[in-house]
PDB file of N, CA and C in Angstrom:
ATOM      1  N   MET A   1       0.186  -2.002 -16.540  1.00  0.00           N
ATOM      2  CA  MET A   1      -0.183  -1.461 -15.256  1.00  0.00           C
ATOM      3  C   MET A   1       1.030  -0.765 -14.645  1.00  0.00           C
ATOM      4  N   THR A   2       0.860   0.479 -14.223  1.00  0.00           N
ATOM      5  CA  THR A   2       1.972   1.218 -13.630  1.00  0.00           C
ATOM      6  C   THR A   2       1.877   1.162 -12.116  1.00  0.00           C
ATOM      7  N   ASN A   3       3.036   1.230 -11.501  1.00  0.00           N
ATOM      8  CA  ASN A   3       3.090   1.250 -10.049  1.00  0.00           C
ATOM      9  C   ASN A   3       2.862   2.665  -9.561  1.00  0.00           C
ATOM     10  N   PRO A   4       2.191   2.832  -8.427  1.00  0.00           N
ATOM     11  CA  PRO A   4       1.975   4.180  -7.897  1.00  0.00           C
ATOM     12  C   PRO A   4       3.290   4.749  -7.367  1.00  0.00           C
ATOM     13  N   PRO A   5       3.430   6.077  -7.362  1.00  0.00           N
ATOM     14  CA  PRO A   5       4.641   6.672  -6.803  1.00  0.00           C
ATOM     15  C   PRO A   5       4.780   6.313  -5.321  1.00  0.00           C
ATOM     16  N   VAL A   6       6.013   6.191  -4.863  1.00  0.00           N
ATOM     17  CA  VAL A   6       6.274   5.938  -3.451  1.00  0.00           C
ATOM     18  C   VAL A   6       6.597   7.263  -2.785  1.00  0.00           C
ATOM     19  N   ASN A   7       6.477   7.316  -1.481  1.00  0.00           N
ATOM     20  CA  ASN A   7       6.816   8.533  -0.752  1.00  0.00           C
ATOM     21  C   ASN A   7       8.335   8.618  -0.651  1.00  0.00           C
ATOM     22  N   LEU A   8       8.932   9.438  -1.485  1.00  0.00           N
ATOM     23  CA  LEU A   8      10.386   9.521  -1.579  1.00  0.00           C
ATOM     24  C   LEU A   8      11.008  10.501  -0.601  1.00  0.00           C
ATOM     25  N   GLY A   9      10.260  11.447  -0.123  1.00  0.00           N
ATOM     26  CA  GLY A   9      10.839  12.515   0.676  1.00  0.00           C
ATOM     27  C   GLY A   9      11.473  13.558  -0.221  1.00  0.00           C
ATOM     28  N   GLU A  10      11.909  14.643   0.380  1.00  0.00           N
ATOM     29  CA  GLU A  10      12.439  15.780  -0.399  1.00  0.00           C
ATOM     30  C   GLU A  10      13.660  15.407  -1.246  1.00  0.00           C
ATOM     31  N   HIS A  11      14.597  14.692  -0.658  1.00  0.00           N
ATOM     32  CA  HIS A  11      15.822  14.379  -1.393  1.00  0.00           C
ATOM     33  C   HIS A  11      15.623  13.251  -2.399  1.00  0.00           C
ATOM     34  N   GLY A  12      14.759  12.311  -2.083  1.00  0.00           N
ATOM     35  CA  GLY A  12      14.438  11.249  -3.036  1.00  0.00           C
ATOM     36  C   GLY A  12      13.725  11.803  -4.254  1.00  0.00           C
ATOM     37  N   ALA A  13      12.799  12.724  -4.025  1.00  0.00           N
ATOM     38  CA  ALA A  13      12.095  13.368  -5.138  1.00  0.00           C
ATOM     39  C   ALA A  13      13.064  14.220  -5.960  1.00  0.00           C
ATOM     40  N   ALA A  14      13.974  14.911  -5.273  1.00  0.00           N
ATOM     41  CA  ALA A  14      14.985  15.712  -5.976  1.00  0.00           C
ATOM     42  C   ALA A  14      15.877  14.806  -6.822  1.00  0.00           C
ATOM     43  N   PHE A  15      16.248  13.644  -6.270  1.00  0.00           N
ATOM     44  CA  PHE A  15      17.073  12.701  -7.011  1.00  0.00           C
ATOM     45  C   PHE A  15      16.393  12.287  -8.305  1.00  0.00           C
ATOM     46  N   ALA A  16      15.125  11.918  -8.227  1.00  0.00           N
ATOM     47  CA  ALA A  16      14.384  11.479  -9.417  1.00  0.00           C
ATOM     48  C   ALA A  16      14.325  12.597 -10.462  1.00  0.00           C
ATOM     49  N   ALA A  17      13.984  13.805 -10.028  1.00  0.00           N
ATOM     50  CA  ALA A  17      13.869  14.929 -10.957  1.00  0.00           C
ATOM     51  C   ALA A  17      15.219  15.328 -11.539  1.00  0.00           C
ATOM     52  N   ASN A  18      16.251  15.372 -10.696  1.00  0.00           N
ATOM     53  CA  ASN A  18      17.583  15.767 -11.166  1.00  0.00           C
ATOM     54  C   ASN A  18      18.183  14.714 -12.090  1.00  0.00           C
ATOM     55  N   LEU A  19      17.945  13.444 -11.783  1.00  0.00           N
ATOM     56  CA  LEU A  19      18.413  12.372 -12.659  1.00  0.00           C
ATOM     57  C   LEU A  19      17.861  12.567 -14.064  1.00  0.00           C
ATOM     58  N   ARG A  20      16.573  12.755 -14.150  1.00  0.00           N
ATOM     59  CA  ARG A  20      15.924  12.929 -15.453  1.00  0.00           C
ATOM     60  C   ARG A  20      16.448  14.182 -16.167  1.00  0.00           C
ATOM     61  N   ALA A  21      16.520  15.296 -15.445  1.00  0.00           N
ATOM     62  CA  ALA A  21      16.950  16.563 -16.049  1.00  0.00           C
ATOM     63  C   ALA A  21      18.393  16.493 -16.554  1.00  0.00           C
ATOM     64  N   ILE A  22      19.294  15.945 -15.734  1.00  0.00           N
ATOM     65  CA  ILE A  22      20.697  15.867 -16.130  1.00  0.00           C
ATOM     66  C   ILE A  22      20.872  14.890 -17.282  1.00  0.00           C
ATOM     67  N   ARG A  23      20.189  13.757 -17.186  1.00  0.00           N
ATOM     68  CA  ARG A  23      20.290  12.760 -18.257  1.00  0.00           C
ATOM     69  C   ARG A  23      19.834  13.343 -19.584  1.00  0.00           C
ATOM     70  N   LYS A  24      18.701  14.033 -19.576  1.00  0.00           N
ATOM     71  CA  LYS A  24      18.175  14.615 -20.813  1.00  0.00           C
ATOM     72  C   LYS A  24      19.070  15.752 -21.318  1.00  0.00           C
ATOM     73  N   ALA A  25      19.580  16.569 -20.408  1.00  0.00           N
ATOM     74  CA  ALA A  25      20.459  17.680 -20.806  1.00  0.00           C
ATOM     75  C   ALA A  25      21.731  17.171 -21.468  1.00  0.00           C
ATOM     76  N   ARG A  26      22.160  15.996 -21.084  1.00  0.00           N
ATOM     77  CA  ARG A  26      23.373  15.398 -21.651  1.00  0.00           C
ATOM     78  C   ARG A  26      23.066  14.472 -22.818  1.00  0.00           C
ATOM     79  N   HIS A  27      21.800  14.409 -23.195  1.00  0.00           N
ATOM     80  CA  HIS A  27      21.358  13.596 -24.327  1.00  0.00           C
ATOM     81  C   HIS A  27      21.760  12.135 -24.163  1.00  0.00           C
ATOM     82  N   VAL A  28      21.549  11.616 -22.955  1.00  0.00           N
ATOM     83  CA  VAL A  28      21.845  10.221 -22.649  1.00  0.00           C
ATOM     84  C   VAL A  28      20.510   9.479 -22.545  1.00  0.00           C
ATOM     85  N   THR A  29      20.373   8.399 -23.289  1.00  0.00           N
ATOM     86  CA  THR A  29      19.144   7.614 -23.204  1.00  0.00           C
ATOM     87  C   THR A  29      19.198   6.711 -21.975  1.00  0.00           C
ATOM     88  N   LEU A  30      18.050   6.212 -21.591  1.00  0.00           N
ATOM     89  CA  LEU A  30      17.997   5.268 -20.476  1.00  0.00           C
ATOM     90  C   LEU A  30      18.784   4.003 -20.793  1.00  0.00           C
ATOM     91  N   ASP A  31      18.721   3.556 -22.029  1.00  0.00           N
ATOM     92  CA  ASP A  31      19.495   2.376 -22.437  1.00  0.00           C
ATOM     93  C   ASP A  31      20.996   2.632 -22.297  1.00  0.00           C
ATOM     94  N   GLU A  32      21.449   3.811 -22.735  1.00  0.00           N
ATOM     95  CA  GLU A  32      22.872   4.146 -22.634  1.00  0.00           C
ATOM     96  C   GLU A  32      23.319   4.245 -21.173  1.00  0.00           C
ATOM     97  N   LEU A  33      22.484   4.878 -20.354  1.00  0.00           N
ATOM     98  CA  LEU A  33      22.826   5.014 -18.938  1.00  0.00           C
ATOM     99  C   LEU A  33      22.898   3.643 -18.274  1.00  0.00           C
ATOM    100  N   ALA A  34      21.908   2.805 -18.539  1.00  0.00           N
ATOM    101  CA  ALA A  34      21.912   1.450 -17.969  1.00  0.00           C
ATOM    102  C   ALA A  34      23.143   0.671 -18.420  1.00  0.00           C
ATOM    103  N   ALA A  35      23.518   0.793 -19.681  1.00  0.00           N
ATOM    104  CA  ALA A  35      24.691   0.083 -20.200  1.00  0.00           C
ATOM    105  C   ALA A  35      25.965   0.556 -19.499  1.00  0.00           C
ATOM    106  N   GLN A  36      26.100   1.869 -19.292  1.00  0.00           N
ATOM    107  CA  GLN A  36      27.288   2.396 -18.616  1.00  0.00           C
ATOM    108  C   GLN A  36      27.372   1.868 -17.188  1.00  0.00           C
ATOM    109  N   ILE A  37      26.237   1.828 -16.517  1.00  0.00           N
ATOM    110  CA  ILE A  37      26.193   1.353 -15.135  1.00  0.00           C
ATOM    111  C   ILE A  37      26.517  -0.140 -15.079  1.00  0.00           C
ATOM    112  N   GLN A  38      25.940  -0.898 -15.998  1.00  0.00           N
ATOM    113  CA  GLN A  38      26.173  -2.347 -16.021  1.00  0.00           C
ATOM    114  C   GLN A  38      27.611  -2.672 -16.407  1.00  0.00           C
ATOM    115  N   ASP A  39      28.225  -1.836 -17.252  1.00  0.00           N
ATOM    116  CA  ASP A  39      29.625  -2.043 -17.618  1.00  0.00           C
ATOM    117  C   ASP A  39      30.544  -1.940 -16.400  1.00  0.00           C
ATOM    118  N   ARG A  40      30.111  -1.228 -15.380  1.00  0.00           N
ATOM    119  CA  ARG A  40      30.874  -1.097 -14.138  1.00  0.00           C
ATOM    120  C   ARG A  40      30.576  -2.245 -13.173  1.00  0.00           C
ATOM    121  N   GLY A  41      29.706  -3.172 -13.593  1.00  0.00           N
ATOM    122  CA  GLY A  41      29.404  -4.329 -12.765  1.00  0.00           C
ATOM    123  C   GLY A  41      28.232  -4.159 -11.816  1.00  0.00           C
ATOM    124  N   HIS A  42      27.501  -3.063 -11.942  1.00  0.00           N
ATOM    125  CA  HIS A  42      26.353  -2.827 -11.062  1.00  0.00           C
ATOM    126  C   HIS A  42      25.080  -3.260 -11.784  1.00  0.00           C
ATOM    127  N   ARG A  43      24.224  -3.961 -11.089  1.00  0.00           N
ATOM    128  CA  ARG A  43      22.985  -4.455 -11.692  1.00  0.00           C
ATOM    129  C   ARG A  43      21.873  -3.434 -11.549  1.00  0.00           C
ATOM    130  N   LEU A  44      21.720  -2.622 -12.563  1.00  0.00           N
ATOM    131  CA  LEU A  44      20.633  -1.642 -12.630  1.00  0.00           C
ATOM    132  C   LEU A  44      20.249  -1.549 -14.097  1.00  0.00           C
ATOM    133  N   ASN A  45      19.012  -1.898 -14.407  1.00  0.00           N
ATOM    134  CA  ASN A  45      18.616  -1.940 -15.812  1.00  0.00           C
ATOM    135  C   ASN A  45      17.714  -0.759 -16.183  1.00  0.00           C
ATOM    136  N   ARG A  46      17.378  -0.681 -17.451  1.00  0.00           N
ATOM    137  CA  ARG A  46      16.568   0.401 -17.993  1.00  0.00           C
ATOM    138  C   ARG A  46      15.226   0.523 -17.277  1.00  0.00           C
ATOM    139  N   ASP A  47      14.558  -0.598 -17.041  1.00  0.00           N
ATOM    140  CA  ASP A  47      13.252  -0.560 -16.387  1.00  0.00           C
ATOM    141  C   ASP A  47      13.351  -0.023 -14.962  1.00  0.00           C
ATOM    142  N   GLN A  48      14.412  -0.374 -14.266  1.00  0.00           N
ATOM    143  CA  GLN A  48      14.610   0.158 -12.919  1.00  0.00           C
ATOM    144  C   GLN A  48      14.877   1.660 -12.958  1.00  0.00           C
ATOM    145  N   LEU A  49      15.659   2.109 -13.945  1.00  0.00           N
ATOM    146  CA  LEU A  49      15.907   3.541 -14.097  1.00  0.00           C
ATOM    147  C   LEU A  49      14.617   4.301 -14.406  1.00  0.00           C
ATOM    148  N   ILE A  50      13.765   3.717 -15.238  1.00  0.00           N
ATOM    149  CA  ILE A  50      12.473   4.337 -15.548  1.00  0.00           C
ATOM    150  C   ILE A  50      11.673   4.524 -14.269  1.00  0.00           C
ATOM    151  N   ARG A  51      11.635   3.502 -13.432  1.00  0.00           N
ATOM    152  CA  ARG A  51      10.875   3.566 -12.181  1.00  0.00           C
ATOM    153  C   ARG A  51      11.488   4.568 -11.206  1.00  0.00           C
ATOM    154  N   ILE A  52      12.806   4.663 -11.166  1.00  0.00           N
ATOM    155  CA  ILE A  52      13.459   5.647 -10.294  1.00  0.00           C
ATOM    156  C   ILE A  52      13.097   7.054 -10.746  1.00  0.00           C
ATOM    157  N   GLU A  53      13.228   7.331 -12.042  1.00  0.00           N
ATOM    158  CA  GLU A  53      12.895   8.658 -12.569  1.00  0.00           C
ATOM    159  C   GLU A  53      11.430   9.016 -12.339  1.00  0.00           C
ATOM    160  N   ALA A  54      10.556   8.024 -12.391  1.00  0.00           N
ATOM    161  CA  ALA A  54       9.115   8.264 -12.222  1.00  0.00           C
ATOM    162  C   ALA A  54       8.706   8.336 -10.753  1.00  0.00           C
ATOM    163  N   GLY A  55       9.630   8.127  -9.841  1.00  0.00           N
ATOM    164  CA  GLY A  55       9.298   8.160  -8.424  1.00  0.00           C
ATOM    165  C   GLY A  55       8.568   6.918  -7.951  1.00  0.00           C
ATOM    166  N   GLN A  56       8.706   5.838  -8.702  1.00  0.00           N
ATOM    167  CA  GLN A  56       8.039   4.578  -8.358  1.00  0.00           C
ATOM    168  C   GLN A  56       8.984   3.581  -7.695  1.00  0.00           C
ATOM    169  N   ARG A  57      10.244   3.964  -7.557  1.00  0.00           N
ATOM    170  CA  ARG A  57      11.248   3.092  -6.938  1.00  0.00           C
ATOM    171  C   ARG A  57      12.300   3.964  -6.281  1.00  0.00           C
ATOM    172  N   ARG A  58      12.707   3.575  -5.103  1.00  0.00           N
ATOM    173  CA  ARG A  58      13.801   4.276  -4.427  1.00  0.00           C
ATOM    174  C   ARG A  58      15.132   3.769  -4.982  1.00  0.00           C
ATOM    175  N   ALA A  59      16.076   4.660  -5.083  1.00  0.00           N
ATOM    176  CA  ALA A  59      17.431   4.270  -5.474  1.00  0.00           C
ATOM    177  C   ALA A  59      18.213   3.967  -4.195  1.00  0.00           C
ATOM    178  N   SER A  60      18.899   2.833  -4.175  1.00  0.00           N
ATOM    179  CA  SER A  60      19.779   2.546  -3.038  1.00  0.00           C
ATOM    180  C   SER A  60      20.972   3.496  -3.120  1.00  0.00           C
ATOM    181  N   ILE A  61      21.746   3.569  -2.058  1.00  0.00           N
ATOM    182  CA  ILE A  61      22.934   4.420  -2.089  1.00  0.00           C
ATOM    183  C   ILE A  61      23.910   3.935  -3.151  1.00  0.00           C
ATOM    184  N   ASP A  62      23.997   2.619  -3.334  1.00  0.00           N
ATOM    185  CA  ASP A  62      24.868   2.078  -4.382  1.00  0.00           C
ATOM    186  C   ASP A  62      24.354   2.463  -5.771  1.00  0.00           C
ATOM    187  N   ASP A  63      23.034   2.372  -5.973  1.00  0.00           N
ATOM    188  CA  ASP A  63      22.441   2.797  -7.248  1.00  0.00           C
ATOM    189  C   ASP A  63      22.768   4.263  -7.505  1.00  0.00           C
ATOM    190  N   ALA A  64      22.542   5.097  -6.488  1.00  0.00           N
ATOM    191  CA  ALA A  64      22.749   6.537  -6.633  1.00  0.00           C
ATOM    192  C   ALA A  64      24.194   6.868  -6.975  1.00  0.00           C
ATOM    193  N   CYS A  65      25.132   6.209  -6.321  1.00  0.00           N
ATOM    194  CA  CYS A  65      26.553   6.456  -6.607  1.00  0.00           C
ATOM    195  C   CYS A  65      26.918   6.048  -8.023  1.00  0.00           C
ATOM    196  N   GLU A  66      26.424   4.906  -8.467  1.00  0.00           N
ATOM    197  CA  GLU A  66      26.717   4.450  -9.829  1.00  0.00           C
ATOM    198  C   GLU A  66      26.074   5.357 -10.874  1.00  0.00           C
ATOM    199  N   ILE A  67      24.878   5.824 -10.610  1.00  0.00           N
ATOM    200  CA  ILE A  67      24.206   6.749 -11.533  1.00  0.00           C
ATOM    201  C   ILE A  67      25.001   8.050 -11.626  1.00  0.00           C
ATOM    202  N   ALA A  68      25.430   8.572 -10.483  1.00  0.00           N
ATOM    203  CA  ALA A  68      26.220   9.814 -10.480  1.00  0.00           C
ATOM    204  C   ALA A  68      27.506   9.636 -11.274  1.00  0.00           C
ATOM    205  N   ARG A  69      28.201   8.513 -11.057  1.00  0.00           N
ATOM    206  CA  ARG A  69      29.443   8.247 -11.806  1.00  0.00           C
ATOM    207  C   ARG A  69      29.194   8.190 -13.303  1.00  0.00           C
ATOM    208  N   ALA A  70      28.132   7.477 -13.685  1.00  0.00           N
ATOM    209  CA  ALA A  70      27.828   7.325 -15.107  1.00  0.00           C
ATOM    210  C   ALA A  70      27.478   8.663 -15.754  1.00  0.00           C
ATOM    211  N   LEU A  71      26.831   9.551 -14.995  1.00  0.00           N
ATOM    212  CA  LEU A  71      26.474  10.868 -15.535  1.00  0.00           C
ATOM    213  C   LEU A  71      27.600  11.886 -15.388  1.00  0.00           C
ATOM    214  N   GLY A  72      28.632  11.547 -14.635  1.00  0.00           N
ATOM    215  CA  GLY A  72      29.758  12.456 -14.455  1.00  0.00           C
ATOM    216  C   GLY A  72      29.460  13.617 -13.537  1.00  0.00           C
ATOM    217  N   VAL A  73      28.604  13.402 -12.536  1.00  0.00           N
ATOM    218  CA  VAL A  73      28.295  14.458 -11.567  1.00  0.00           C
ATOM    219  C   VAL A  73      28.529  13.927 -10.160  1.00  0.00           C
ATOM    220  N   LYS A  74      28.703  14.836  -9.219  1.00  0.00           N
ATOM    221  CA  LYS A  74      28.812  14.434  -7.833  1.00  0.00           C
ATOM    222  C   LYS A  74      27.434  14.033  -7.324  1.00  0.00           C
ATOM    223  N   LEU A  75      27.410  13.122  -6.409  1.00  0.00           N
ATOM    224  CA  LEU A  75      26.150  12.637  -5.852  1.00  0.00           C
ATOM    225  C   LEU A  75      25.322  13.772  -5.272  1.00  0.00           C
ATOM    226  N   ILE A  76      25.958  14.740  -4.648  1.00  0.00           N
ATOM    227  CA  ILE A  76      25.220  15.861  -4.043  1.00  0.00           C
ATOM    228  C   ILE A  76      24.382  16.594  -5.090  1.00  0.00           C
ATOM    229  N   ARG A  77      24.848  16.625  -6.331  1.00  0.00           N
ATOM    230  CA  ARG A  77      24.098  17.299  -7.409  1.00  0.00           C
ATOM    231  C   ARG A  77      22.786  16.580  -7.691  1.00  0.00           C
ATOM    232  N   LEU A  78      22.770  15.277  -7.526  1.00  0.00           N
ATOM    233  CA  LEU A  78      21.551  14.513  -7.779  1.00  0.00           C
ATOM    234  C   LEU A  78      20.563  14.592  -6.622  1.00  0.00           C
ATOM    235  N   VAL A  79      21.043  14.672  -5.391  1.00  0.00           N
ATOM    236  CA  VAL A  79      20.124  14.632  -4.252  1.00  0.00           C
ATOM    237  C   VAL A  79      19.715  16.006  -3.736  1.00  0.00           C
ATOM    238  N   SER A  80      20.370  17.058  -4.213  1.00  0.00           N
ATOM    239  CA  SER A  80      20.020  18.402  -3.751  1.00  0.00           C
ATOM    240  C   SER A  80      18.719  18.856  -4.379  1.00  0.00           C
ATOM    241  N   PRO A  81      17.840  19.451  -3.567  1.00  0.00           N
ATOM    242  CA  PRO A  81      16.628  20.036  -4.156  1.00  0.00           C
ATOM    243  C   PRO A  81      17.028  21.022  -5.246  1.00  0.00           C
ATOM    244  N   SER A  82      16.238  21.103  -6.302  1.00  0.00           N
ATOM    245  CA  SER A  82      16.616  21.865  -7.497  1.00  0.00           C
ATOM    246  C   SER A  82      16.895  23.332  -7.223  1.00  0.00           C
ATOM    247  N   ARG A  83      16.339  23.886  -6.185  1.00  0.00           N
ATOM    248  CA  ARG A  83      16.561  25.314  -5.928  1.00  0.00           C
ATOM    249  C   ARG A  83      17.911  25.590  -5.263  1.00  0.00           C
ATOM    250  N   LEU A  84      18.563  24.545  -4.753  1.00  0.00           N
ATOM    251  CA  LEU A  84      19.838  24.719  -4.062  1.00  0.00           C
ATOM    252  C   LEU A  84      20.863  23.722  -4.570  1.00  0.00           C
ATOM    253  N   GLN A  85      22.091  24.157  -4.580  1.00  0.00           N
ATOM    254  CA  GLN A  85      23.176  23.228  -4.902  1.00  0.00           C
ATOM    255  C   GLN A  85      24.438  23.751  -4.255  1.00  0.00           C
ATOM    256  N   LEU A  86      25.322  22.856  -3.886  1.00  0.00           N
ATOM    257  CA  LEU A  86      26.581  23.285  -3.295  1.00  0.00           C
ATOM    258  C   LEU A  86      27.433  23.983  -4.336  1.00  0.00           C
ATOM    259  N   VAL A  87      28.107  25.029  -3.910  1.00  0.00           N
ATOM    260  CA  VAL A  87      29.015  25.749  -4.799  1.00  0.00           C
ATOM    261  C   VAL A  87      30.212  24.852  -5.072  1.00  0.00           C
ATOM    262  N   PRO A  88      30.576  24.663  -6.355  1.00  0.00           N
ATOM    263  CA  PRO A  88      31.738  23.823  -6.668  1.00  0.00           C
ATOM    264  C   PRO A  88      33.004  24.347  -5.996  1.00  0.00           C
ATOM    265  N   ASN A  89      33.889  23.416  -5.621  1.00  0.00           N
ATOM    266  CA  ASN A  89      35.195  23.732  -5.041  1.00  0.00           C
ATOM    267  C   ASN A  89      35.113  24.487  -3.725  1.00  0.00           C
ATOM    268  N   ARG A  90      34.044  24.264  -2.974  1.00  0.00           N
ATOM    269  CA  ARG A  90      33.901  24.875  -1.653  1.00  0.00           C
ATOM    270  C   ARG A  90      33.754  23.766  -0.619  1.00  0.00           C
ATOM    271  N   PRO A  91      34.165  24.005   0.606  1.00  0.00           N
ATOM    272  CA  PRO A  91      33.962  23.001   1.660  1.00  0.00           C
ATOM    273  C   PRO A  91      32.474  22.737   1.863  1.00  0.00           C
ATOM    274  N   LEU A  92      32.150  21.549   2.361  1.00  0.00           N
ATOM    275  CA  LEU A  92      30.761  21.173   2.570  1.00  0.00           C
ATOM    276  C   LEU A  92      30.258  21.702   3.909  1.00  0.00           C
ATOM    277  N   HIS A  93      30.348  23.012   4.114  1.00  0.00           N
ATOM    278  CA  HIS A  93      29.887  23.581   5.374  1.00  0.00           C
ATOM    279  C   HIS A  93      28.731  24.561   5.172  1.00  0.00           C
ATOM    280  N   GLY A  94      27.883  24.264   4.197  1.00  0.00           N
ATOM    281  CA  GLY A  94      26.661  25.043   4.046  1.00  0.00           C
ATOM    282  C   GLY A  94      26.732  26.173   3.047  1.00  0.00           C
ATOM    283  N   VAL A  95      27.756  26.249   2.238  1.00  0.00           N
ATOM    284  CA  VAL A  95      27.824  27.283   1.212  1.00  0.00           C
ATOM    285  C   VAL A  95      26.903  26.850   0.077  1.00  0.00           C
ATOM    286  N   LEU A  96      25.865  27.622  -0.163  1.00  0.00           N
ATOM    287  CA  LEU A  96      24.870  27.250  -1.152  1.00  0.00           C
ATOM    288  C   LEU A  96      24.795  28.270  -2.270  1.00  0.00           C
ATOM    289  N   ALA A  97      24.337  27.824  -3.408  1.00  0.00           N
ATOM    290  CA  ALA A  97      24.159  28.697  -4.559  1.00  0.00           C
ATOM    291  C   ALA A  97      22.864  28.328  -5.260  1.00  0.00           C
ATOM    292  N   ASP A  98      22.440  29.185  -6.133  1.00  0.00           N
ATOM    293  CA  ASP A  98      21.246  28.927  -6.924  1.00  0.00           C
ATOM    294  C   ASP A  98      21.542  27.801  -7.905  1.00  0.00           C
ATOM    295  N   ALA A  99      20.657  26.825  -7.999  1.00  0.00           N
ATOM    296  CA  ALA A  99      20.874  25.662  -8.858  1.00  0.00           C
ATOM    297  C   ALA A  99      20.740  25.991 -10.334  1.00  0.00           C
ATOM    298  N   ARG A 100      20.346  27.197 -10.665  1.00  0.00           N
ATOM    299  CA  ARG A 100      20.256  27.551 -12.080  1.00  0.00           C
ATOM    300  C   ARG A 100      21.622  27.719 -12.703  1.00  0.00           C
ATOM    301  N   ASN A 101      22.665  27.629 -11.904  1.00  0.00           N
ATOM    302  CA  ASN A 101      24.025  27.636 -12.420  1.00  0.00           C
ATOM    303  C   ASN A 101      24.156  26.433 -13.345  1.00  0.00           C
ATOM    304  N   PRO A 102      24.464  26.619 -14.624  1.00  0.00           N
ATOM    305  CA  PRO A 102      24.460  25.513 -15.575  1.00  0.00           C
ATOM    306  C   PRO A 102      25.617  24.536 -15.405  1.00  0.00           C
ATOM    307  N   ARG A 103      26.640  24.889 -14.623  1.00  0.00           N
ATOM    308  CA  ARG A 103      27.787  24.002 -14.485  1.00  0.00           C
ATOM    309  C   ARG A 103      27.463  22.869 -13.523  1.00  0.00           C
ATOM    310  N   ASP A 104      27.790  21.661 -13.930  1.00  0.00           N
ATOM    311  CA  ASP A 104      27.691  20.504 -13.045  1.00  0.00           C
ATOM    312  C   ASP A 104      29.084  20.168 -12.583  1.00  0.00           C
ATOM    313  N   GLU A 105      29.196  19.694 -11.365  1.00  0.00           N
ATOM    314  CA  GLU A 105      30.492  19.286 -10.850  1.00  0.00           C
ATOM    315  C   GLU A 105      30.799  17.896 -11.407  1.00  0.00           C
ATOM    316  N   VAL A 106      32.009  17.689 -11.852  1.00  0.00           N
ATOM    317  CA  VAL A 106      32.423  16.399 -12.387  1.00  0.00           C
ATOM    318  C   VAL A 106      33.104  15.616 -11.285  1.00  0.00           C
ATOM    319  N   VAL A 107      32.795  14.318 -11.210  1.00  0.00           N
ATOM    320  CA  VAL A 107      33.373  13.448 -10.187  1.00  0.00           C
ATOM    321  C   VAL A 107      34.865  13.340 -10.392  1.00  0.00           C
TER     322      VAL A 107
END
């Protein structure tokens, strides 16, 4: 039995979609991602990651930070709607770029 999706809002939905896209683009399995996160002492397992990616569970801020670290991206890359992303190496004062830029910012 699967859980129904929760109302994540724009950034929560972006987080779920971006998590999946970045993870797959980097050829990281859910098991590998969970292991990296757990190696840092954070309790987040494969099943929880599956639910986050599917929009069936909200990620806490701690979950989101650990996921970003494990994937080697800044948190803003995970929570930004896919059509927008902050330009790397720019102040956080609203400078936006098209998210189709293939470069991810490294933490």
